[in-house]
Amino acid sequence: MLGDDAELTAAVRAAQDGDETAFRTVYRAVHPRLLTYVRTLVGEPDAEDVASEAWLQIARDLERFDGDADRFRGWAARIARNRALDHIRMRGRRPVIGGDETELTGKPADSDTAGEALEALATDGTLSLIARLPQDQAEAVVLRVVFGLDAKSAADTLGKRPGAVRTAAHRGLKRLAELLGDDPESTGALDALPPQREPRRRAATSATVTHTRARTQKDM
């Protein structure tokens, strides 16, 4: 397990045992990318509120979580997505979903030049461009590239097949590269985002819960 993931896994387990400092560590490590994902779903004005609701549920249900850093990110993303969709339903608007899986039958090329171009795209500069993608591509790009989920975890979050998510992410990245080429001013956003993560074998993990402690957004 890589350094950052090992640290996040350890922090999650300590938080499950009631360590408030560890929970703040988890929050600080995951929140920025989780907020970016929520913005993709509900837009800027409501993103902070929806993300806060997601963290309240994460804190409440954390003792029942079982897994490592990869699984935690996927679990947190599913909670955030559910809270975002609940929010959209409550305000009487449904998300605009761009196409369905039947449109995603193509396979990404072995050489992913779009992915290489986006590796350097800074988060702040990415958001306005991602908003111009179809919803399925936007979610796939954020979950895989910004949030760092592998295809299986992203597929579990979205309720789709891993192949469909990989293809949506590939098409989204390709379109983002085209948008960058069309807008010279956007090239200033080029900085450093990680490439898409591929699944890796995980050792079975478990967490022992010994304490219950209420956590609120102000503690983070």
C-alpha atoms as a PDB file:
ATOM      1  CA  MET A   1       0.000   0.000   0.000  1.00  0.00           C
ATOM      2  CA  LEU A   2       1.387   3.397  -1.003  1.00  0.00           C
ATOM      3  CA  GLY A   3       2.277   6.042   1.568  1.00  0.00           C
ATOM      4  CA  ASP A   4      -0.717   8.353   1.290  1.00  0.00           C
ATOM      5  CA  ASP A   5      -3.155   5.445   1.130  1.00  0.00           C
ATOM      6  CA  ALA A   6      -1.508   3.768   4.108  1.00  0.00           C
ATOM      7  CA  GLU A   7      -1.834   6.971   6.120  1.00  0.00           C
ATOM      8  CA  LEU A   8      -5.483   7.415   5.151  1.00  0.00           C
ATOM      9  CA  THR A   9      -6.260   3.781   5.988  1.00  0.00           C
ATOM     10  CA  ALA A  10      -4.644   4.185   9.408  1.00  0.00           C
ATOM     11  CA  ALA A  11      -6.528   7.434  10.015  1.00  0.00           C
ATOM     12  CA  VAL A  12      -9.861   5.846   9.069  1.00  0.00           C
ATOM     13  CA  ARG A  13      -9.285   2.965  11.473  1.00  0.00           C
ATOM     14  CA  ALA A  14      -8.255   5.307  14.283  1.00  0.00           C
ATOM     15  CA  ALA A  15     -11.332   7.448  13.631  1.00  0.00           C
ATOM     16  CA  GLN A  16     -13.486   4.344  13.906  1.00  0.00           C
ATOM     17  CA  ASP A  17     -12.024   3.865  17.372  1.00  0.00           C
ATOM     18  CA  GLY A  18     -13.165   7.346  18.357  1.00  0.00           C
ATOM     19  CA  ASP A  19     -10.016   9.365  17.628  1.00  0.00           C
ATOM     20  CA  GLU A  20     -11.257  12.873  16.779  1.00  0.00           C
ATOM     21  CA  THR A  21      -7.868  14.012  15.485  1.00  0.00           C
ATOM     22  CA  ALA A  22      -7.800  11.063  13.096  1.00  0.00           C
ATOM     23  CA  PHE A  23     -11.273  11.927  11.854  1.00  0.00           C
ATOM     24  CA  ARG A  24     -10.124  15.461  11.095  1.00  0.00           C
ATOM     25  CA  THR A  25      -7.184  13.962   9.190  1.00  0.00           C
ATOM     26  CA  VAL A  26      -9.598  11.855   7.122  1.00  0.00           C
ATOM     27  CA  TYR A  27     -11.796  14.881   6.480  1.00  0.00           C
ATOM     28  CA  ARG A  28      -8.907  17.057   5.338  1.00  0.00           C
ATOM     29  CA  ALA A  29      -7.569  14.334   3.063  1.00  0.00           C
ATOM     30  CA  VAL A  30     -10.881  13.519   1.362  1.00  0.00           C
ATOM     31  CA  HIS A  31     -13.054  16.629   1.544  1.00  0.00           C
ATOM     32  CA  PRO A  32     -11.537  18.777  -1.250  1.00  0.00           C
ATOM     33  CA  ARG A  33     -12.071  16.098  -3.892  1.00  0.00           C
ATOM     34  CA  LEU A  34     -15.424  15.068  -2.448  1.00  0.00           C
ATOM     35  CA  LEU A  35     -16.562  18.690  -2.691  1.00  0.00           C
ATOM     36  CA  THR A  36     -15.403  18.826  -6.305  1.00  0.00           C
ATOM     37  CA  TYR A  37     -17.557  15.771  -7.061  1.00  0.00           C
ATOM     38  CA  VAL A  38     -20.582  17.267  -5.325  1.00  0.00           C
ATOM     39  CA  ARG A  39     -20.152  20.475  -7.328  1.00  0.00           C
ATOM     40  CA  THR A  40     -20.343  18.387 -10.484  1.00  0.00           C
ATOM     41  CA  LEU A  41     -23.772  17.155  -9.379  1.00  0.00           C
ATOM     42  CA  VAL A  42     -25.483  20.141  -7.732  1.00  0.00           C
ATOM     43  CA  GLY A  43     -23.484  23.199  -8.770  1.00  0.00           C
ATOM     44  CA  GLU A  44     -21.539  25.707  -6.725  1.00  0.00           C
ATOM     45  CA  PRO A  45     -24.296  27.374  -4.636  1.00  0.00           C
ATOM     46  CA  ASP A  46     -25.444  24.154  -2.927  1.00  0.00           C
ATOM     47  CA  ALA A  47     -22.225  22.125  -2.934  1.00  0.00           C
ATOM     48  CA  GLU A  48     -21.006  23.044   0.563  1.00  0.00           C
ATOM     49  CA  ASP A  49     -24.368  22.231   2.172  1.00  0.00           C
ATOM     50  CA  VAL A  50     -24.670  18.890   0.395  1.00  0.00           C
ATOM     51  CA  ALA A  51     -21.076  17.978   1.229  1.00  0.00           C
ATOM     52  CA  SER A  52     -21.744  18.825   4.884  1.00  0.00           C
ATOM     53  CA  GLU A  53     -24.753  16.509   4.890  1.00  0.00           C
ATOM     54  CA  ALA A  54     -22.603  13.780   3.370  1.00  0.00           C
ATOM     55  CA  TRP A  55     -19.948  14.193   6.081  1.00  0.00           C
ATOM     56  CA  LEU A  56     -22.551  14.027   8.821  1.00  0.00           C
ATOM     57  CA  GLN A  57     -23.684  10.664   7.435  1.00  0.00           C
ATOM     58  CA  ILE A  58     -20.077   9.505   7.013  1.00  0.00           C
ATOM     59  CA  ALA A  59     -19.394  10.371  10.658  1.00  0.00           C
ATOM     60  CA  ARG A  60     -22.569   8.643  11.806  1.00  0.00           C
ATOM     61  CA  ASP A  61     -21.991   5.453   9.810  1.00  0.00           C
ATOM     62  CA  LEU A  62     -18.196   5.253  10.014  1.00  0.00           C
ATOM     63  CA  GLU A  63     -18.175   2.511  12.635  1.00  0.00           C
ATOM     64  CA  ARG A  64     -19.929   0.194  10.173  1.00  0.00           C
ATOM     65  CA  PHE A  65     -17.410   0.813   7.389  1.00  0.00           C
ATOM     66  CA  ASP A  66     -14.952  -1.991   6.611  1.00  0.00           C
ATOM     67  CA  GLY A  67     -12.045  -1.468   4.248  1.00  0.00           C
ATOM     68  CA  ASP A  68      -8.936   0.463   3.277  1.00  0.00           C
ATOM     69  CA  ALA A  69      -8.352   3.924   1.809  1.00  0.00           C
ATOM     70  CA  ASP A  70      -9.562   2.965  -1.681  1.00  0.00           C
ATOM     71  CA  ARG A  71     -12.777   1.515  -0.313  1.00  0.00           C
ATOM     72  CA  PHE A  72     -13.294   4.496   1.959  1.00  0.00           C
ATOM     73  CA  ARG A  73     -13.066   6.950  -0.931  1.00  0.00           C
ATOM     74  CA  GLY A  74     -15.598   4.927  -2.909  1.00  0.00           C
ATOM     75  CA  TRP A  75     -17.902   4.613   0.118  1.00  0.00           C
ATOM     76  CA  ALA A  76     -17.709   8.359   0.785  1.00  0.00           C
ATOM     77  CA  ALA A  77     -18.400   9.126  -2.884  1.00  0.00           C
ATOM     78  CA  ARG A  78     -21.536   6.948  -2.854  1.00  0.00           C
ATOM     79  CA  ILE A  79     -22.828   8.730   0.236  1.00  0.00           C
ATOM     80  CA  ALA A  80     -22.130  12.120  -1.324  1.00  0.00           C
ATOM     81  CA  ARG A  81     -23.854  11.125  -4.557  1.00  0.00           C
ATOM     82  CA  ASN A  82     -26.941   9.904  -2.720  1.00  0.00           C
ATOM     83  CA  ARG A  83     -27.135  13.132  -0.710  1.00  0.00           C
ATOM     84  CA  ALA A  84     -26.697  15.157  -3.904  1.00  0.00           C
ATOM     85  CA  LEU A  85     -29.468  13.278  -5.717  1.00  0.00           C
ATOM     86  CA  ASP A  86     -31.751  13.669  -2.678  1.00  0.00           C
ATOM     87  CA  HIS A  87     -31.041  17.399  -2.765  1.00  0.00           C
ATOM     88  CA  ILE A  88     -31.846  17.595  -6.474  1.00  0.00           C
ATOM     89  CA  ARG A  89     -35.146  15.772  -5.936  1.00  0.00           C
ATOM     90  CA  MET A  90     -36.094  18.035  -3.037  1.00  0.00           C
ATOM     91  CA  ARG A  91     -35.576  21.187  -5.052  1.00  0.00           C
ATOM     92  CA  GLY A  92     -37.656  19.726  -7.870  1.00  0.00           C
ATOM     93  CA  ARG A  93     -34.948  19.384 -10.490  1.00  0.00           C
ATOM     94  CA  ARG A  94     -33.415  16.239 -11.827  1.00  0.00           C
ATOM     95  CA  PRO A  95     -29.795  15.953 -12.969  1.00  0.00           C
ATOM     96  CA  VAL A  96     -29.149  16.103 -16.679  1.00  0.00           C
ATOM     97  CA  ILE A  97     -27.653  12.724 -17.526  1.00  0.00           C
ATOM     98  CA  GLY A  98     -25.792  12.620 -20.812  1.00  0.00           C
ATOM     99  CA  GLY A  99     -26.664   9.366 -22.548  1.00  0.00           C
ATOM    100  CA  ASP A 100     -26.794   5.811 -21.258  1.00  0.00           C
ATOM    101  CA  GLU A 101     -24.480   2.820 -21.222  1.00  0.00           C
ATOM    102  CA  THR A 102     -25.616   1.615 -24.634  1.00  0.00           C
ATOM    103  CA  GLU A 103     -23.788   4.604 -26.085  1.00  0.00           C
ATOM    104  CA  LEU A 104     -20.559   3.603 -24.346  1.00  0.00           C
ATOM    105  CA  THR A 105     -19.659   0.505 -26.291  1.00  0.00           C
ATOM    106  CA  GLY A 106     -16.338   1.747 -27.645  1.00  0.00           C
ATOM    107  CA  LYS A 107     -13.071   0.892 -25.909  1.00  0.00           C
ATOM    108  CA  PRO A 108     -10.473   3.494 -24.967  1.00  0.00           C
ATOM    109  CA  ALA A 109      -7.314   3.467 -27.049  1.00  0.00           C
ATOM    110  CA  ASP A 110      -4.186   1.966 -25.499  1.00  0.00           C
ATOM    111  CA  SER A 111      -2.503   5.358 -25.737  1.00  0.00           C
ATOM    112  CA  ASP A 112      -4.511   7.895 -23.748  1.00  0.00           C
ATOM    113  CA  THR A 113      -3.195  11.266 -24.950  1.00  0.00           C
ATOM    114  CA  ALA A 114      -6.200  13.038 -23.438  1.00  0.00           C
ATOM    115  CA  GLY A 115      -5.416  11.496 -20.067  1.00  0.00           C
ATOM    116  CA  GLU A 116      -1.821  12.615 -20.367  1.00  0.00           C
ATOM    117  CA  ALA A 117      -2.985  16.138 -21.135  1.00  0.00           C
ATOM    118  CA  LEU A 118      -5.332  16.187 -18.169  1.00  0.00           C
ATOM    119  CA  GLU A 119      -2.757  14.836 -15.737  1.00  0.00           C
ATOM    120  CA  ALA A 120      -1.590  18.431 -15.458  1.00  0.00           C
ATOM    121  CA  LEU A 121      -4.996  20.120 -15.183  1.00  0.00           C
ATOM    122  CA  ALA A 122      -5.444  21.944 -11.862  1.00  0.00           C
ATOM    123  CA  THR A 123      -8.683  21.304  -9.979  1.00  0.00           C
ATOM    124  CA  ASP A 124      -9.913  24.919 -10.011  1.00  0.00           C
ATOM    125  CA  GLY A 125      -9.344  25.224 -13.735  1.00  0.00           C
ATOM    126  CA  THR A 126     -10.997  21.881 -14.390  1.00  0.00           C
ATOM    127  CA  LEU A 127     -14.388  22.639 -12.891  1.00  0.00           C
ATOM    128  CA  SER A 128     -15.633  25.102 -15.504  1.00  0.00           C
ATOM    129  CA  LEU A 129     -14.559  22.728 -18.276  1.00  0.00           C
ATOM    130  CA  ILE A 130     -16.036  19.627 -16.639  1.00  0.00           C
ATOM    131  CA  ALA A 131     -19.358  21.475 -16.362  1.00  0.00           C
ATOM    132  CA  ARG A 132     -19.455  21.509 -20.162  1.00  0.00           C
ATOM    133  CA  LEU A 133     -19.326  17.702 -20.411  1.00  0.00           C
ATOM    134  CA  PRO A 134     -22.342  15.358 -20.542  1.00  0.00           C
ATOM    135  CA  GLN A 135     -23.222  14.346 -16.986  1.00  0.00           C
ATOM    136  CA  ASP A 136     -22.069  10.733 -17.319  1.00  0.00           C
ATOM    137  CA  GLN A 137     -18.666  11.867 -18.605  1.00  0.00           C
ATOM    138  CA  ALA A 138     -18.361  14.591 -15.976  1.00  0.00           C
ATOM    139  CA  GLU A 139     -19.024  12.165 -13.122  1.00  0.00           C
ATOM    140  CA  ALA A 140     -16.676   9.548 -14.538  1.00  0.00           C
ATOM    141  CA  VAL A 141     -13.849  12.061 -14.968  1.00  0.00           C
ATOM    142  CA  VAL A 142     -14.241  13.488 -11.469  1.00  0.00           C
ATOM    143  CA  LEU A 143     -14.490  10.086  -9.784  1.00  0.00           C
ATOM    144  CA  ARG A 144     -11.588   8.527 -11.692  1.00  0.00           C
ATOM    145  CA  VAL A 145      -9.190  11.432 -12.191  1.00  0.00           C
ATOM    146  CA  VAL A 146     -10.003  13.973  -9.476  1.00  0.00           C
ATOM    147  CA  PHE A 147     -11.286  11.665  -6.738  1.00  0.00           C
ATOM    148  CA  GLY A 148      -8.853   8.888  -7.622  1.00  0.00           C
ATOM    149  CA  LEU A 149     -11.207   5.895  -7.738  1.00  0.00           C
ATOM    150  CA  ASP A 150     -10.417   2.865  -9.851  1.00  0.00           C
ATOM    151  CA  ALA A 151     -12.931   1.824 -12.512  1.00  0.00           C
ATOM    152  CA  LYS A 152     -14.656  -0.754 -10.299  1.00  0.00           C
ATOM    153  CA  SER A 153     -15.120   1.617  -7.366  1.00  0.00           C
ATOM    154  CA  ALA A 154     -16.363   4.378  -9.667  1.00  0.00           C
ATOM    155  CA  ALA A 155     -18.749   1.909 -11.319  1.00  0.00           C
ATOM    156  CA  ASP A 156     -20.093   0.837  -7.922  1.00  0.00           C
ATOM    157  CA  THR A 157     -20.690   4.488  -7.054  1.00  0.00           C
ATOM    158  CA  LEU A 158     -22.549   5.173 -10.294  1.00  0.00           C
ATOM    159  CA  GLY A 159     -24.369   1.839 -10.583  1.00  0.00           C
ATOM    160  CA  LYS A 160     -22.760   1.110 -13.943  1.00  0.00           C
ATOM    161  CA  ARG A 161     -20.348  -1.378 -15.470  1.00  0.00           C
ATOM    162  CA  PRO A 162     -16.612  -0.685 -15.057  1.00  0.00           C
ATOM    163  CA  GLY A 163     -16.161  -0.738 -18.826  1.00  0.00           C
ATOM    164  CA  ALA A 164     -18.840   1.913 -19.281  1.00  0.00           C
ATOM    165  CA  VAL A 165     -17.210   4.127 -16.667  1.00  0.00           C
ATOM    166  CA  ARG A 166     -13.766   3.723 -18.250  1.00  0.00           C
ATOM    167  CA  THR A 167     -15.173   4.663 -21.635  1.00  0.00           C
ATOM    168  CA  ALA A 168     -17.111   7.646 -20.264  1.00  0.00           C
ATOM    169  CA  ALA A 169     -13.982   8.876 -18.484  1.00  0.00           C
ATOM    170  CA  HIS A 170     -11.901   8.409 -21.635  1.00  0.00           C
ATOM    171  CA  ARG A 171     -14.404  10.324 -23.753  1.00  0.00           C
ATOM    172  CA  GLY A 172     -14.661  13.041 -21.131  1.00  0.00           C
ATOM    173  CA  LEU A 173     -10.882  13.412 -20.963  1.00  0.00           C
ATOM    174  CA  LYS A 174     -10.662  13.553 -24.734  1.00  0.00           C
ATOM    175  CA  ARG A 175     -13.325  16.264 -24.832  1.00  0.00           C
ATOM    176  CA  LEU A 176     -11.546  18.224 -22.096  1.00  0.00           C
ATOM    177  CA  ALA A 177      -8.349  18.098 -24.112  1.00  0.00           C
ATOM    178  CA  GLU A 178     -10.289  19.460 -27.088  1.00  0.00           C
ATOM    179  CA  LEU A 179     -11.765  22.233 -24.940  1.00  0.00           C
ATOM    180  CA  LEU A 180      -8.307  23.161 -23.732  1.00  0.00           C
ATOM    181  CA  GLY A 181      -7.157  23.338 -27.332  1.00  0.00           C
ATOM    182  CA  ASP A 182     -10.135  25.524 -28.302  1.00  0.00           C
ATOM    183  CA  ASP A 183      -9.601  27.936 -25.401  1.00  0.00           C
ATOM    184  CA  PRO A 184      -6.022  29.232 -25.187  1.00  0.00           C
ATOM    185  CA  GLU A 185      -6.792  30.947 -21.880  1.00  0.00           C
ATOM    186  CA  SER A 186      -7.560  27.551 -20.317  1.00  0.00           C
ATOM    187  CA  THR A 187      -4.013  26.378 -20.827  1.00  0.00           C
ATOM    188  CA  GLY A 188      -3.088  28.392 -17.753  1.00  0.00           C
ATOM    189  CA  ALA A 189      -4.943  25.768 -15.739  1.00  0.00           C
ATOM    190  CA  LEU A 190      -2.383  23.103 -16.589  1.00  0.00           C
ATOM    191  CA  ASP A 191      -0.785  21.901 -13.373  1.00  0.00           C
ATOM    192  CA  ALA A 192      -0.933  18.486 -11.651  1.00  0.00           C
ATOM    193  CA  LEU A 193      -3.745  15.953 -11.396  1.00  0.00           C
ATOM    194  CA  PRO A 194      -3.098  12.213 -11.069  1.00  0.00           C
ATOM    195  CA  PRO A 195      -3.800   9.786 -13.926  1.00  0.00           C
ATOM    196  CA  GLN A 196      -6.736   7.403 -13.746  1.00  0.00           C
ATOM    197  CA  ARG A 197      -6.217   4.642 -11.211  1.00  0.00           C
ATOM    198  CA  GLU A 198      -6.582   1.023 -12.176  1.00  0.00           C
ATOM    199  CA  PRO A 199      -7.846  -1.640  -9.762  1.00  0.00           C
ATOM    200  CA  ARG A 200      -5.239  -3.419  -7.650  1.00  0.00           C
ATOM    201  CA  ARG A 201      -5.429  -6.462  -5.455  1.00  0.00           C
ATOM    202  CA  ARG A 202      -6.319  -5.651  -1.876  1.00  0.00           C
ATOM    203  CA  ALA A 203      -5.653  -7.639   1.239  1.00  0.00           C
ATOM    204  CA  ALA A 204      -8.735  -8.315   3.303  1.00  0.00           C
ATOM    205  CA  THR A 205      -9.077  -5.753   6.077  1.00  0.00           C
ATOM    206  CA  SER A 206     -11.335  -5.315   9.039  1.00  0.00           C
ATOM    207  CA  ALA A 207     -11.836  -2.671  11.699  1.00  0.00           C
ATOM    208  CA  THR A 208     -12.514  -3.141  15.389  1.00  0.00           C
ATOM    209  CA  VAL A 209     -14.948  -0.659  16.823  1.00  0.00           C
ATOM    210  CA  THR A 210     -14.462   0.113  20.475  1.00  0.00           C
ATOM    211  CA  HIS A 211     -15.908   3.557  20.982  1.00  0.00           C
ATOM    212  CA  THR A 212     -18.796   5.663  19.749  1.00  0.00           C
ATOM    213  CA  ARG A 213     -18.350   9.393  19.656  1.00  0.00           C
ATOM    214  CA  ALA A 214     -20.573  12.009  18.032  1.00  0.00           C
ATOM    215  CA  ARG A 215     -18.858  14.119  15.430  1.00  0.00           C
ATOM    216  CA  THR A 216     -20.108  17.333  13.865  1.00  0.00           C
ATOM    217  CA  GLN A 217     -18.974  19.514  10.975  1.00  0.00           C
ATOM    218  CA  LYS A 218     -17.517  22.081  13.385  1.00  0.00           C
ATOM    219  CA  ASP A 219     -15.058  19.468  14.699  1.00  0.00           C
ATOM    220  CA  MET A 220     -13.514  19.067  11.243  1.00  0.00           C
END
